[in-house]
Amino acid sequence: MTVSLGIKHHDSGAFDVVPIATSDYFKRRWLPACAHLGLRYVSHFHDGALSTVSPDDLPDIVAELEILRAWAAANDAFMVERIDGVLRALQALDATSCEVDFG
């Protein structure tokens, strides 16, 4: 299993997937970092709690990803690469014209 960001575009019906991590890697590396940093959204990317993300929650998710990225810069280059991909995707989207989910 993998953990990913999904973006469904309302106008075209297209569905983009941005990979985050394998389930095992997420549990071994991301979850301990989330617990250490007190991240409440990112820690649920894997468990279905964010199967539908409110546009109002996106700024908080981006803020948490930036915190995690700063921590990972000294600890996990692979995590930084994946966080950068998710941040690029989230910052490029129009939240009013798509649905976002993590799982």
N, C-alpha and C. Protein backbone atom coordinates (compact mmCIF):
# COMPACT_ATOMS: atom_id res chain seq x y z
N MET A 1 0.84 -1.18 0.00
CA MET A 1 0.00 0.00 0.00
C MET A 1 0.89 1.25 0.00
N THR A 2 0.31 2.31 -0.55
CA THR A 2 1.03 3.57 -0.56
C THR A 2 0.15 4.68 0.00
N VAL A 3 0.80 5.73 0.42
CA VAL A 3 0.13 6.93 0.89
C VAL A 3 0.35 7.98 -0.19
N SER A 4 -0.74 8.66 -0.56
CA SER A 4 -0.62 9.64 -1.64
C SER A 4 -1.63 10.76 -1.47
N LEU A 5 -1.40 11.81 -2.22
CA LEU A 5 -2.32 12.93 -2.35
C LEU A 5 -3.10 12.70 -3.64
N GLY A 6 -4.41 12.81 -3.58
CA GLY A 6 -5.24 12.69 -4.75
C GLY A 6 -5.93 14.01 -5.03
N ILE A 7 -5.97 14.38 -6.31
CA ILE A 7 -6.62 15.63 -6.72
C ILE A 7 -7.56 15.31 -7.86
N LYS A 8 -8.87 15.48 -7.64
CA LYS A 8 -9.86 15.27 -8.68
C LYS A 8 -10.33 16.63 -9.19
N HIS A 9 -10.14 16.84 -10.49
CA HIS A 9 -10.50 18.11 -11.11
C HIS A 9 -11.95 18.05 -11.58
N HIS A 10 -12.77 18.98 -11.09
CA HIS A 10 -14.19 18.98 -11.42
C HIS A 10 -14.45 19.21 -12.90
N ASP A 11 -13.71 20.11 -13.52
CA ASP A 11 -13.99 20.47 -14.91
C ASP A 11 -13.66 19.34 -15.89
N SER A 12 -12.58 18.62 -15.67
CA SER A 12 -12.17 17.58 -16.62
C SER A 12 -12.44 16.17 -16.12
N GLY A 13 -12.64 16.01 -14.83
CA GLY A 13 -12.80 14.68 -14.26
C GLY A 13 -11.47 13.96 -14.07
N ALA A 14 -10.38 14.62 -14.45
CA ALA A 14 -9.06 14.01 -14.30
C ALA A 14 -8.73 13.84 -12.81
N PHE A 15 -7.95 12.81 -12.53
CA PHE A 15 -7.52 12.53 -11.16
C PHE A 15 -6.01 12.43 -11.15
N ASP A 16 -5.36 13.35 -10.44
CA ASP A 16 -3.91 13.34 -10.31
C ASP A 16 -3.53 12.70 -8.98
N VAL A 17 -2.45 11.96 -8.99
CA VAL A 17 -1.94 11.32 -7.79
C VAL A 17 -0.50 11.77 -7.56
N VAL A 18 -0.24 12.24 -6.36
CA VAL A 18 1.10 12.65 -5.97
C VAL A 18 1.56 11.68 -4.88
N PRO A 19 2.59 10.86 -5.18
CA PRO A 19 3.03 9.88 -4.18
C PRO A 19 3.68 10.54 -2.97
N ILE A 20 3.42 9.95 -1.80
CA ILE A 20 4.01 10.44 -0.56
C ILE A 20 5.00 9.41 -0.01
N ALA A 21 4.53 8.21 0.24
CA ALA A 21 5.41 7.17 0.80
C ALA A 21 4.70 5.83 0.75
N THR A 22 5.46 4.77 0.90
CA THR A 22 4.83 3.48 1.12
C THR A 22 4.22 3.51 2.52
N SER A 23 3.27 2.66 2.77
CA SER A 23 2.64 2.61 4.09
C SER A 23 3.67 2.33 5.18
N ASP A 24 4.58 1.40 4.90
CA ASP A 24 5.59 1.04 5.88
C ASP A 24 6.51 2.22 6.19
N TYR A 25 6.98 2.90 5.14
CA TYR A 25 7.87 4.05 5.33
C TYR A 25 7.15 5.18 6.07
N PHE A 26 5.88 5.38 5.71
CA PHE A 26 5.10 6.42 6.39
C PHE A 26 5.01 6.11 7.88
N LYS A 27 4.74 4.87 8.23
CA LYS A 27 4.61 4.49 9.63
C LYS A 27 5.94 4.57 10.37
N ARG A 28 7.02 4.18 9.69
CA ARG A 28 8.34 4.17 10.34
C ARG A 28 8.97 5.54 10.46
N ARG A 29 8.75 6.41 9.47
CA ARG A 29 9.46 7.70 9.44
C ARG A 29 8.54 8.90 9.65
N TRP A 30 7.44 8.95 8.91
CA TRP A 30 6.57 10.12 8.97
C TRP A 30 5.82 10.21 10.30
N LEU A 31 5.24 9.12 10.74
CA LEU A 31 4.43 9.17 11.97
C LEU A 31 5.25 9.55 13.21
N PRO A 32 6.45 8.99 13.41
CA PRO A 32 7.24 9.45 14.55
C PRO A 32 7.59 10.95 14.46
N ALA A 33 7.89 11.42 13.26
CA ALA A 33 8.19 12.84 13.08
C ALA A 33 6.96 13.69 13.39
N CYS A 34 5.80 13.24 12.92
CA CYS A 34 4.55 13.97 13.20
C CYS A 34 4.29 14.02 14.70
N ALA A 35 4.50 12.92 15.40
CA ALA A 35 4.29 12.89 16.85
C ALA A 35 5.27 13.84 17.54
N HIS A 36 6.52 13.79 17.12
CA HIS A 36 7.55 14.66 17.70
C HIS A 36 7.22 16.14 17.51
N LEU A 37 6.67 16.47 16.33
CA LEU A 37 6.38 17.86 15.98
C LEU A 37 4.95 18.30 16.34
N GLY A 38 4.11 17.35 16.75
CA GLY A 38 2.74 17.67 17.11
C GLY A 38 1.85 18.01 15.93
N LEU A 39 2.06 17.33 14.82
CA LEU A 39 1.29 17.61 13.60
C LEU A 39 -0.01 16.81 13.60
N ARG A 40 -1.13 17.51 13.50
CA ARG A 40 -2.43 16.82 13.59
C ARG A 40 -3.01 16.42 12.25
N TYR A 41 -2.69 17.12 11.17
CA TYR A 41 -3.22 16.75 9.86
C TYR A 41 -2.33 15.72 9.16
N VAL A 42 -1.05 16.02 9.06
CA VAL A 42 -0.15 15.13 8.33
C VAL A 42 -0.16 13.73 8.92
N SER A 43 -0.33 13.64 10.21
CA SER A 43 -0.34 12.32 10.85
C SER A 43 -1.52 11.46 10.42
N HIS A 44 -2.50 12.05 9.74
CA HIS A 44 -3.67 11.30 9.27
C HIS A 44 -3.67 11.08 7.75
N PHE A 45 -2.59 11.38 7.08
CA PHE A 45 -2.54 11.16 5.63
C PHE A 45 -2.78 9.70 5.27
N HIS A 46 -2.43 8.79 6.12
CA HIS A 46 -2.47 7.36 5.81
C HIS A 46 -3.74 6.62 6.24
N ASP A 47 -4.55 7.24 7.10
CA ASP A 47 -5.60 6.44 7.76
C ASP A 47 -7.03 6.68 7.28
N GLY A 48 -7.20 7.46 6.24
CA GLY A 48 -8.54 7.68 5.70
C GLY A 48 -9.29 8.84 6.34
N ALA A 49 -8.74 9.43 7.39
CA ALA A 49 -9.42 10.54 8.05
C ALA A 49 -9.51 11.77 7.16
N LEU A 50 -8.63 11.85 6.17
CA LEU A 50 -8.62 12.98 5.24
C LEU A 50 -9.03 12.52 3.84
N SER A 51 -10.03 11.66 3.78
CA SER A 51 -10.49 11.18 2.47
C SER A 51 -11.20 12.29 1.70
N THR A 52 -11.67 13.30 2.40
CA THR A 52 -12.18 14.52 1.79
C THR A 52 -11.62 15.68 2.61
N VAL A 53 -10.88 16.55 1.95
CA VAL A 53 -10.24 17.67 2.65
C VAL A 53 -11.01 18.95 2.34
N SER A 54 -11.39 19.65 3.38
CA SER A 54 -12.05 20.93 3.21
C SER A 54 -11.03 21.96 2.72
N PRO A 55 -11.42 22.80 1.75
CA PRO A 55 -10.50 23.86 1.31
C PRO A 55 -10.03 24.73 2.48
N ASP A 56 -10.85 24.85 3.52
CA ASP A 56 -10.46 25.64 4.69
C ASP A 56 -9.28 25.02 5.45
N ASP A 57 -9.10 23.70 5.31
CA ASP A 57 -8.02 23.01 6.02
C ASP A 57 -6.69 23.04 5.25
N LEU A 58 -6.73 23.38 3.98
CA LEU A 58 -5.51 23.33 3.16
C LEU A 58 -4.40 24.24 3.69
N PRO A 59 -4.68 25.48 4.12
CA PRO A 59 -3.57 26.29 4.67
C PRO A 59 -2.90 25.65 5.89
N ASP A 60 -3.69 25.00 6.75
CA ASP A 60 -3.12 24.33 7.91
C ASP A 60 -2.28 23.12 7.51
N ILE A 61 -2.74 22.40 6.50
CA ILE A 61 -1.98 21.25 6.00
C ILE A 61 -0.66 21.73 5.41
N VAL A 62 -0.70 22.79 4.60
CA VAL A 62 0.53 23.34 4.02
C VAL A 62 1.48 23.79 5.13
N ALA A 63 0.96 24.45 6.14
CA ALA A 63 1.80 24.91 7.25
C ALA A 63 2.47 23.73 7.96
N GLU A 64 1.72 22.66 8.19
CA GLU A 64 2.30 21.48 8.83
C GLU A 64 3.36 20.84 7.95
N LEU A 65 3.10 20.78 6.64
CA LEU A 65 4.10 20.21 5.73
C LEU A 65 5.37 21.03 5.74
N GLU A 66 5.25 22.33 5.85
CA GLU A 66 6.44 23.19 5.91
C GLU A 66 7.23 22.96 7.20
N ILE A 67 6.53 22.73 8.31
CA ILE A 67 7.19 22.40 9.57
C ILE A 67 7.93 21.07 9.44
N LEU A 68 7.24 20.08 8.89
CA LEU A 68 7.84 18.77 8.71
C LEU A 68 9.03 18.84 7.76
N ARG A 69 8.92 19.65 6.71
CA ARG A 69 10.01 19.79 5.76
C ARG A 69 11.25 20.36 6.44
N ALA A 70 11.06 21.38 7.28
CA ALA A 70 12.19 21.98 7.99
C ALA A 70 12.88 20.94 8.88
N TRP A 71 12.09 20.10 9.56
CA TRP A 71 12.65 19.04 10.38
C TRP A 71 13.37 18.01 9.52
N ALA A 72 12.75 17.61 8.42
CA ALA A 72 13.30 16.57 7.56
C ALA A 72 14.56 17.02 6.83
N ALA A 73 14.74 18.31 6.65
CA ALA A 73 15.92 18.81 5.94
C ALA A 73 17.21 18.32 6.60
N ALA A 74 17.19 18.10 7.89
CA ALA A 74 18.38 17.61 8.60
C ALA A 74 18.33 16.11 8.85
N ASN A 75 17.21 15.47 8.49
CA ASN A 75 17.03 14.07 8.89
C ASN A 75 16.68 13.10 7.77
N ASP A 76 16.09 13.56 6.68
CA ASP A 76 15.56 12.60 5.70
C ASP A 76 15.35 13.27 4.34
N ALA A 77 16.35 13.16 3.46
CA ALA A 77 16.29 13.80 2.14
C ALA A 77 15.13 13.26 1.29
N PHE A 78 14.83 11.98 1.42
CA PHE A 78 13.72 11.40 0.65
C PHE A 78 12.40 12.03 1.08
N MET A 79 12.22 12.22 2.38
CA MET A 79 11.00 12.85 2.88
C MET A 79 10.88 14.28 2.34
N VAL A 80 11.98 15.00 2.31
CA VAL A 80 11.99 16.37 1.79
C VAL A 80 11.52 16.37 0.33
N GLU A 81 12.02 15.44 -0.44
CA GLU A 81 11.63 15.35 -1.86
C GLU A 81 10.13 15.13 -1.99
N ARG A 82 9.57 14.24 -1.21
CA ARG A 82 8.14 13.96 -1.28
C ARG A 82 7.30 15.12 -0.77
N ILE A 83 7.75 15.76 0.29
CA ILE A 83 7.03 16.93 0.81
C ILE A 83 7.02 18.04 -0.23
N ASP A 84 8.15 18.24 -0.88
CA ASP A 84 8.22 19.27 -1.93
C ASP A 84 7.22 19.01 -3.05
N GLY A 85 7.07 17.74 -3.43
CA GLY A 85 6.10 17.39 -4.46
C GLY A 85 4.67 17.68 -4.04
N VAL A 86 4.34 17.36 -2.80
CA VAL A 86 3.00 17.63 -2.28
C VAL A 86 2.76 19.13 -2.17
N LEU A 87 3.75 19.87 -1.67
CA LEU A 87 3.60 21.32 -1.56
C LEU A 87 3.40 21.97 -2.92
N ARG A 88 4.18 21.54 -3.91
CA ARG A 88 4.02 22.09 -5.27
C ARG A 88 2.60 21.84 -5.78
N ALA A 89 2.11 20.63 -5.59
CA ALA A 89 0.77 20.29 -6.07
C ALA A 89 -0.30 21.10 -5.35
N LEU A 90 -0.19 21.23 -4.04
CA LEU A 90 -1.19 21.96 -3.28
C LEU A 90 -1.16 23.45 -3.59
N GLN A 91 0.02 24.00 -3.78
CA GLN A 91 0.14 25.43 -4.05
C GLN A 91 -0.30 25.79 -5.46
N ALA A 92 -0.30 24.81 -6.37
CA ALA A 92 -0.68 25.07 -7.75
C ALA A 92 -2.18 24.89 -8.00
N LEU A 93 -2.89 24.30 -7.08
CA LEU A 93 -4.30 23.99 -7.36
C LEU A 93 -5.24 25.12 -6.96
N ASP A 94 -6.38 25.11 -7.61
CA ASP A 94 -7.48 26.00 -7.26
C ASP A 94 -8.47 25.15 -6.46
N ALA A 95 -8.50 25.35 -5.16
CA ALA A 95 -9.29 24.50 -4.27
C ALA A 95 -10.78 24.56 -4.55
N THR A 96 -11.24 25.56 -5.29
CA THR A 96 -12.66 25.66 -5.60
C THR A 96 -13.04 24.82 -6.81
N SER A 97 -12.05 24.35 -7.56
CA SER A 97 -12.36 23.60 -8.77
C SER A 97 -11.90 22.14 -8.71
N CYS A 98 -11.57 21.67 -7.51
CA CYS A 98 -11.14 20.28 -7.37
C CYS A 98 -11.42 19.77 -5.97
N GLU A 99 -11.30 18.46 -5.82
CA GLU A 99 -11.41 17.81 -4.53
C GLU A 99 -10.05 17.23 -4.19
N VAL A 100 -9.67 17.34 -2.93
CA VAL A 100 -8.38 16.87 -2.47
C VAL A 100 -8.59 15.79 -1.41
N ASP A 101 -7.79 14.73 -1.50
CA ASP A 101 -7.84 13.70 -0.47
C ASP A 101 -6.45 13.14 -0.23
N PHE A 102 -6.28 12.57 0.94
CA PHE A 102 -5.05 11.87 1.28
C PHE A 102 -5.41 10.44 1.67
N GLY A 103 -4.61 9.53 1.29
CA GLY A 103 -4.88 8.15 1.65
C GLY A 103 -3.83 7.22 1.12
